[in-house]
PDB file of N, CA and C in Angstrom:
ATOM      1  N   MET A   1     -22.124 -16.473  30.457  1.00  0.00           N
ATOM      2  CA  MET A   1     -22.774 -16.577  29.155  1.00  0.00           C
ATOM      3  C   MET A   1     -22.864 -14.929  28.832  1.00  0.00           C
ATOM      4  N   ARG A   2     -23.388 -14.019  29.616  1.00  0.00           N
ATOM      5  CA  ARG A   2     -23.388 -12.646  29.288  1.00  0.00           C
ATOM      6  C   ARG A   2     -22.109 -11.941  28.930  1.00  0.00           C
ATOM      7  N   LEU A   3     -21.016 -12.419  29.655  1.00  0.00           N
ATOM      8  CA  LEU A   3     -19.677 -11.984  29.356  1.00  0.00           C
ATOM      9  C   LEU A   3     -19.144 -12.263  27.865  1.00  0.00           C
ATOM     10  N   LEU A   4     -19.488 -13.427  27.584  1.00  0.00           N
ATOM     11  CA  LEU A   4     -18.870 -13.892  26.294  1.00  0.00           C
ATOM     12  C   LEU A   4     -19.698 -13.135  25.156  1.00  0.00           C
ATOM     13  N   GLU A   5     -21.177 -13.064  25.423  1.00  0.00           N
ATOM     14  CA  GLU A   5     -21.821 -12.308  24.415  1.00  0.00           C
ATOM     15  C   GLU A   5     -21.487 -10.882  24.248  1.00  0.00           C
ATOM     16  N   ARG A   6     -21.009 -10.193  25.436  1.00  0.00           N
ATOM     17  CA  ARG A   6     -20.485  -8.755  25.295  1.00  0.00           C
ATOM     18  C   ARG A   6     -19.204  -8.828  24.461  1.00  0.00           C
ATOM     19  N   ALA A   7     -18.225  -9.740  24.860  1.00  0.00           N
ATOM     20  CA  ALA A   7     -17.056  -9.733  24.332  1.00  0.00           C
ATOM     21  C   ALA A   7     -17.190 -10.103  22.589  1.00  0.00           C
ATOM     22  N   TRP A   8     -18.098 -10.779  22.256  1.00  0.00           N
ATOM     23  CA  TRP A   8     -18.266 -11.101  20.949  1.00  0.00           C
ATOM     24  C   TRP A   8     -18.995  -9.900  20.164  1.00  0.00           C
ATOM     25  N   THR A   9     -19.775  -9.280  20.930  1.00  0.00           N
ATOM     26  CA  THR A   9     -20.409  -8.105  20.318  1.00  0.00           C
ATOM     27  C   THR A   9     -19.317  -7.025  20.009  1.00  0.00           C
ATOM     28  N   ARG A  10     -18.427  -6.907  21.147  1.00  0.00           N
ATOM     29  CA  ARG A  10     -17.408  -5.699  21.081  1.00  0.00           C
ATOM     30  C   ARG A  10     -16.513  -6.030  19.698  1.00  0.00           C
ATOM     31  N   THR A  11     -15.984  -7.422  19.685  1.00  0.00           N
ATOM     32  CA  THR A  11     -15.182  -7.733  18.739  1.00  0.00           C
ATOM     33  C   THR A  11     -15.760  -7.676  17.323  1.00  0.00           C
ATOM     34  N   ARG A  12     -16.977  -7.943  17.186  1.00  0.00           N
ATOM     35  CA  ARG A  12     -17.737  -7.417  15.714  1.00  0.00           C
ATOM     36  C   ARG A  12     -17.804  -6.158  15.507  1.00  0.00           C
ATOM     37  N   ASP A  13     -17.775  -5.278  16.399  1.00  0.00           N
ATOM     38  CA  ASP A  13     -18.061  -3.913  16.293  1.00  0.00           C
ATOM     39  C   ASP A  13     -16.684  -3.194  15.926  1.00  0.00           C
ATOM     40  N   GLU A  14     -15.418  -3.747  16.477  1.00  0.00           N
ATOM     41  CA  GLU A  14     -14.285  -3.285  16.144  1.00  0.00           C
ATOM     42  C   GLU A  14     -13.604  -3.769  14.748  1.00  0.00           C
ATOM     43  N   ARG A  15     -14.104  -4.783  14.255  1.00  0.00           N
ATOM     44  CA  ARG A  15     -13.509  -5.491  13.270  1.00  0.00           C
ATOM     45  C   ARG A  15     -13.329  -4.569  11.952  1.00  0.00           C
ATOM     46  N   GLY A  16     -14.244  -3.546  11.773  1.00  0.00           N
ATOM     47  CA  GLY A  16     -14.167  -2.586  10.556  1.00  0.00           C
ATOM     48  C   GLY A  16     -13.148  -1.371  10.686  1.00  0.00           C
ATOM     49  N   ASP A  17     -12.718  -1.274  11.982  1.00  0.00           N
ATOM     50  CA  ASP A  17     -11.875  -0.124  12.166  1.00  0.00           C
ATOM     51  C   ASP A  17     -10.473  -0.355  11.595  1.00  0.00           C
ATOM     52  N   VAL A  18      -9.818   0.721  11.083  1.00  0.00           N
ATOM     53  CA  VAL A  18      -8.545   0.542  10.611  1.00  0.00           C
ATOM     54  C   VAL A  18      -7.615   1.044  11.842  1.00  0.00           C
ATOM     55  N   PRO A  19      -6.569   0.276  11.940  1.00  0.00           N
ATOM     56  CA  PRO A  19      -5.700   0.415  13.078  1.00  0.00           C
ATOM     57  C   PRO A  19      -4.982   1.693  12.872  1.00  0.00           C
ATOM     58  N   GLY A  20      -4.510   2.655  13.794  1.00  0.00           N
ATOM     59  CA  GLY A  20      -4.000   3.945  13.645  1.00  0.00           C
ATOM     60  C   GLY A  20      -2.599   3.837  12.894  1.00  0.00           C
ATOM     61  N   TRP A  21      -1.820   2.791  13.244  1.00  0.00           N
ATOM     62  CA  TRP A  21      -0.534   2.767  12.343  1.00  0.00           C
ATOM     63  C   TRP A  21      -0.620   2.618  11.056  1.00  0.00           C
ATOM     64  N   VAL A  22      -1.719   1.900  10.637  1.00  0.00           N
ATOM     65  CA  VAL A  22      -1.916   1.716   9.049  1.00  0.00           C
ATOM     66  C   VAL A  22      -2.399   3.203   8.460  1.00  0.00           C
ATOM     67  N   MET A  23      -3.277   3.899   9.174  1.00  0.00           N
ATOM     68  CA  MET A  23      -3.564   5.061   8.689  1.00  0.00           C
ATOM     69  C   MET A  23      -2.463   6.153   8.659  1.00  0.00           C
ATOM     70  N   ILE A  24      -1.608   6.187   9.785  1.00  0.00           N
ATOM     71  CA  ILE A  24      -0.379   6.942   9.706  1.00  0.00           C
ATOM     72  C   ILE A  24       0.552   6.464   8.477  1.00  0.00           C
ATOM     73  N   THR A  25       0.863   5.258   8.334  1.00  0.00           N
ATOM     74  CA  THR A  25       1.584   4.797   7.071  1.00  0.00           C
ATOM     75  C   THR A  25       1.127   5.269   5.816  1.00  0.00           C
ATOM     76  N   VAL A  26      -0.174   5.101   5.614  1.00  0.00           N
ATOM     77  CA  VAL A  26      -0.804   5.506   4.342  1.00  0.00           C
ATOM     78  C   VAL A  26      -0.770   7.097   4.122  1.00  0.00           C
ATOM     79  N   MET A  27      -1.008   7.651   5.217  1.00  0.00           N
ATOM     80  CA  MET A  27      -0.897   9.229   4.977  1.00  0.00           C
ATOM     81  C   MET A  27       0.500   9.638   4.895  1.00  0.00           C
ATOM     82  N   SER A  28       1.538   8.985   5.430  1.00  0.00           N
ATOM     83  CA  SER A  28       3.052   9.470   5.173  1.00  0.00           C
ATOM     84  C   SER A  28       3.322   9.138   3.853  1.00  0.00           C
ATOM     85  N   ALA A  29       2.863   8.078   3.254  1.00  0.00           N
ATOM     86  CA  ALA A  29       3.325   7.555   2.002  1.00  0.00           C
ATOM     87  C   ALA A  29       2.584   8.640   0.956  1.00  0.00           C
ATOM     88  N   GLY A  30       1.464   9.136   1.233  1.00  0.00           N
ATOM     89  CA  GLY A  30       0.839  10.047   0.367  1.00  0.00           C
ATOM     90  C   GLY A  30       1.430  11.293   0.545  1.00  0.00           C
ATOM     91  N   LEU A  31       1.823  11.746   1.724  1.00  0.00           N
ATOM     92  CA  LEU A  31       2.609  12.956   1.741  1.00  0.00           C
ATOM     93  C   LEU A  31       3.960  12.953   1.042  1.00  0.00           C
ATOM     94  N   VAL A  32       4.666  11.778   1.062  1.00  0.00           N
ATOM     95  CA  VAL A  32       5.805  11.914   0.473  1.00  0.00           C
ATOM     96  C   VAL A  32       5.653  11.925  -1.210  1.00  0.00           C
ATOM     97  N   ALA A  33       4.632  11.135  -1.754  1.00  0.00           N
ATOM     98  CA  ALA A  33       4.381  11.222  -3.047  1.00  0.00           C
ATOM     99  C   ALA A  33       3.985  12.557  -3.628  1.00  0.00           C
ATOM    100  N   ILE A  34       3.236  13.246  -2.836  1.00  0.00           N
ATOM    101  CA  ILE A  34       2.757  14.628  -3.226  1.00  0.00           C
ATOM    102  C   ILE A  34       4.009  15.486  -3.109  1.00  0.00           C
ATOM    103  N   LEU A  35       4.921  15.457  -2.041  1.00  0.00           N
ATOM    104  CA  LEU A  35       6.087  16.308  -2.134  1.00  0.00           C
ATOM    105  C   LEU A  35       7.036  16.037  -2.988  1.00  0.00           C
ATOM    106  N   THR A  36       7.216  14.675  -3.479  1.00  0.00           N
ATOM    107  CA  THR A  36       8.109  14.323  -4.622  1.00  0.00           C
ATOM    108  C   THR A  36       7.555  14.928  -5.868  1.00  0.00           C
ATOM    109  N   ALA A  37       6.276  14.865  -6.079  1.00  0.00           N
ATOM    110  CA  ALA A  37       5.734  15.338  -7.412  1.00  0.00           C
ATOM    111  C   ALA A  37       5.875  16.889  -7.406  1.00  0.00           C
ATOM    112  N   VAL A  38       5.722  17.541  -6.324  1.00  0.00           N
ATOM    113  CA  VAL A  38       5.768  19.069  -6.318  1.00  0.00           C
ATOM    114  C   VAL A  38       7.166  19.441  -6.359  1.00  0.00           C
ATOM    115  N   ALA A  39       8.095  18.978  -5.489  1.00  0.00           N
ATOM    116  CA  ALA A  39       9.290  19.443  -5.255  1.00  0.00           C
ATOM    117  C   ALA A  39      10.588  18.790  -5.912  1.00  0.00           C
ATOM    118  N   GLY A  40      10.054  17.572  -6.665  1.00  0.00           N
ATOM    119  CA  GLY A  40      11.145  16.524  -7.102  1.00  0.00           C
ATOM    120  C   GLY A  40      12.141  17.359  -8.031  1.00  0.00           C
ATOM    121  N   PRO A  41      11.705  18.047  -9.070  1.00  0.00           N
ATOM    122  CA  PRO A  41      12.757  18.770  -9.963  1.00  0.00           C
ATOM    123  C   PRO A  41      13.734  19.605  -9.242  1.00  0.00           C
ATOM    124  N   GLN A  42      13.233  20.457  -8.284  1.00  0.00           N
ATOM    125  CA  GLN A  42      13.882  21.398  -7.508  1.00  0.00           C
ATOM    126  C   GLN A  42      15.014  20.627  -6.614  1.00  0.00           C
ATOM    127  N   LEU A  43      14.551  19.686  -5.998  1.00  0.00           N
ATOM    128  CA  LEU A  43      15.523  18.670  -5.134  1.00  0.00           C
ATOM    129  C   LEU A  43      16.564  18.112  -5.952  1.00  0.00           C
ATOM    130  N   ARG A  44      16.141  17.636  -7.147  1.00  0.00           N
ATOM    131  CA  ARG A  44      17.115  16.975  -7.956  1.00  0.00           C
ATOM    132  C   ARG A  44      18.126  18.152  -8.441  1.00  0.00           C
ATOM    133  N   SER A  45      17.670  19.168  -8.748  1.00  0.00           N
ATOM    134  CA  SER A  45      18.690  20.389  -9.231  1.00  0.00           C
ATOM    135  C   SER A  45      19.738  20.820  -8.043  1.00  0.00           C
ATOM    136  N   MET A  46      19.068  20.843  -6.779  1.00  0.00           N
ATOM    137  CA  MET A  46      19.811  21.235  -5.569  1.00  0.00           C
ATOM    138  C   MET A  46      20.869  19.977  -5.539  1.00  0.00           C
ATOM    139  N   LEU A  47      20.464  18.820  -5.595  1.00  0.00           N
ATOM    140  CA  LEU A  47      21.476  17.724  -5.294  1.00  0.00           C
ATOM    141  C   LEU A  47      22.548  17.569  -6.282  1.00  0.00           C
ATOM    142  N   GLU A  48      22.256  17.943  -7.628  1.00  0.00           N
ATOM    143  CA  GLU A  48      23.162  17.838  -8.663  1.00  0.00           C
ATOM    144  C   GLU A  48      24.202  19.053  -8.433  1.00  0.00           C
ATOM    145  N   SER A  49      23.647  20.240  -7.884  1.00  0.00           N
ATOM    146  CA  SER A  49      24.553  21.362  -7.845  1.00  0.00           C
ATOM    147  C   SER A  49      25.510  21.118  -6.653  1.00  0.00           C
ATOM    148  N   ALA A  50      24.865  20.425  -5.606  1.00  0.00           N
ATOM    149  CA  ALA A  50      25.850  20.289  -4.322  1.00  0.00           C
ATOM    150  C   ALA A  50      26.929  19.205  -4.835  1.00  0.00           C
ATOM    151  N   LEU A  51      26.534  18.325  -5.521  1.00  0.00           N
ATOM    152  CA  LEU A  51      27.494  17.238  -5.870  1.00  0.00           C
ATOM    153  C   LEU A  51      28.658  17.701  -6.944  1.00  0.00           C
ATOM    154  N   SER A  52      28.140  18.601  -7.669  1.00  0.00           N
ATOM    155  CA  SER A  52      29.212  19.099  -8.686  1.00  0.00           C
ATOM    156  C   SER A  52      30.119  20.221  -7.974  1.00  0.00           C
ATOM    157  N   ALA A  53      29.578  20.845  -6.959  1.00  0.00           N
ATOM    158  CA  ALA A  53      30.408  21.688  -6.133  1.00  0.00           C
ATOM    159  C   ALA A  53      31.544  20.847  -5.325  1.00  0.00           C
ATOM    160  N   VAL A  54      31.116  19.580  -4.800  1.00  0.00           N
ATOM    161  CA  VAL A  54      32.072  18.963  -4.010  1.00  0.00           C
ATOM    162  C   VAL A  54      32.966  18.171  -5.058  1.00  0.00           C
ATOM    163  N   GLY A  55      32.520  17.810  -6.055  1.00  0.00           N
ATOM    164  CA  GLY A  55      33.325  17.027  -6.928  1.00  0.00           C
ATOM    165  C   GLY A  55      34.360  17.727  -7.680  1.00  0.00           C
ATOM    166  N   GLY A  56      34.080  18.866  -7.987  1.00  0.00           N
ATOM    167  CA  GLY A  56      35.108  19.748  -8.793  1.00  0.00           C
ATOM    168  C   GLY A  56      34.776  21.130  -8.794  1.00  0.00           C
TER     169      GLY A  56
END
C-alpha cells in the first residue's frame, strides 16, 4: 500500500512539468521566427542575387 501511495504522489507531482522536447521545439520555433524577422530581407536579397548569377 505504501508503494502505491508513493507512486501516486510522484505521478501527481510530475504532471505539471513540461517535457524537455516540447521546450526545445518551442524555443527552436521562436528562434527561427526571430531570425526570419530580423534577417529575412537580407536573406531574400542574397538568394535572389545567387539565383540571378546562376541563371544568367
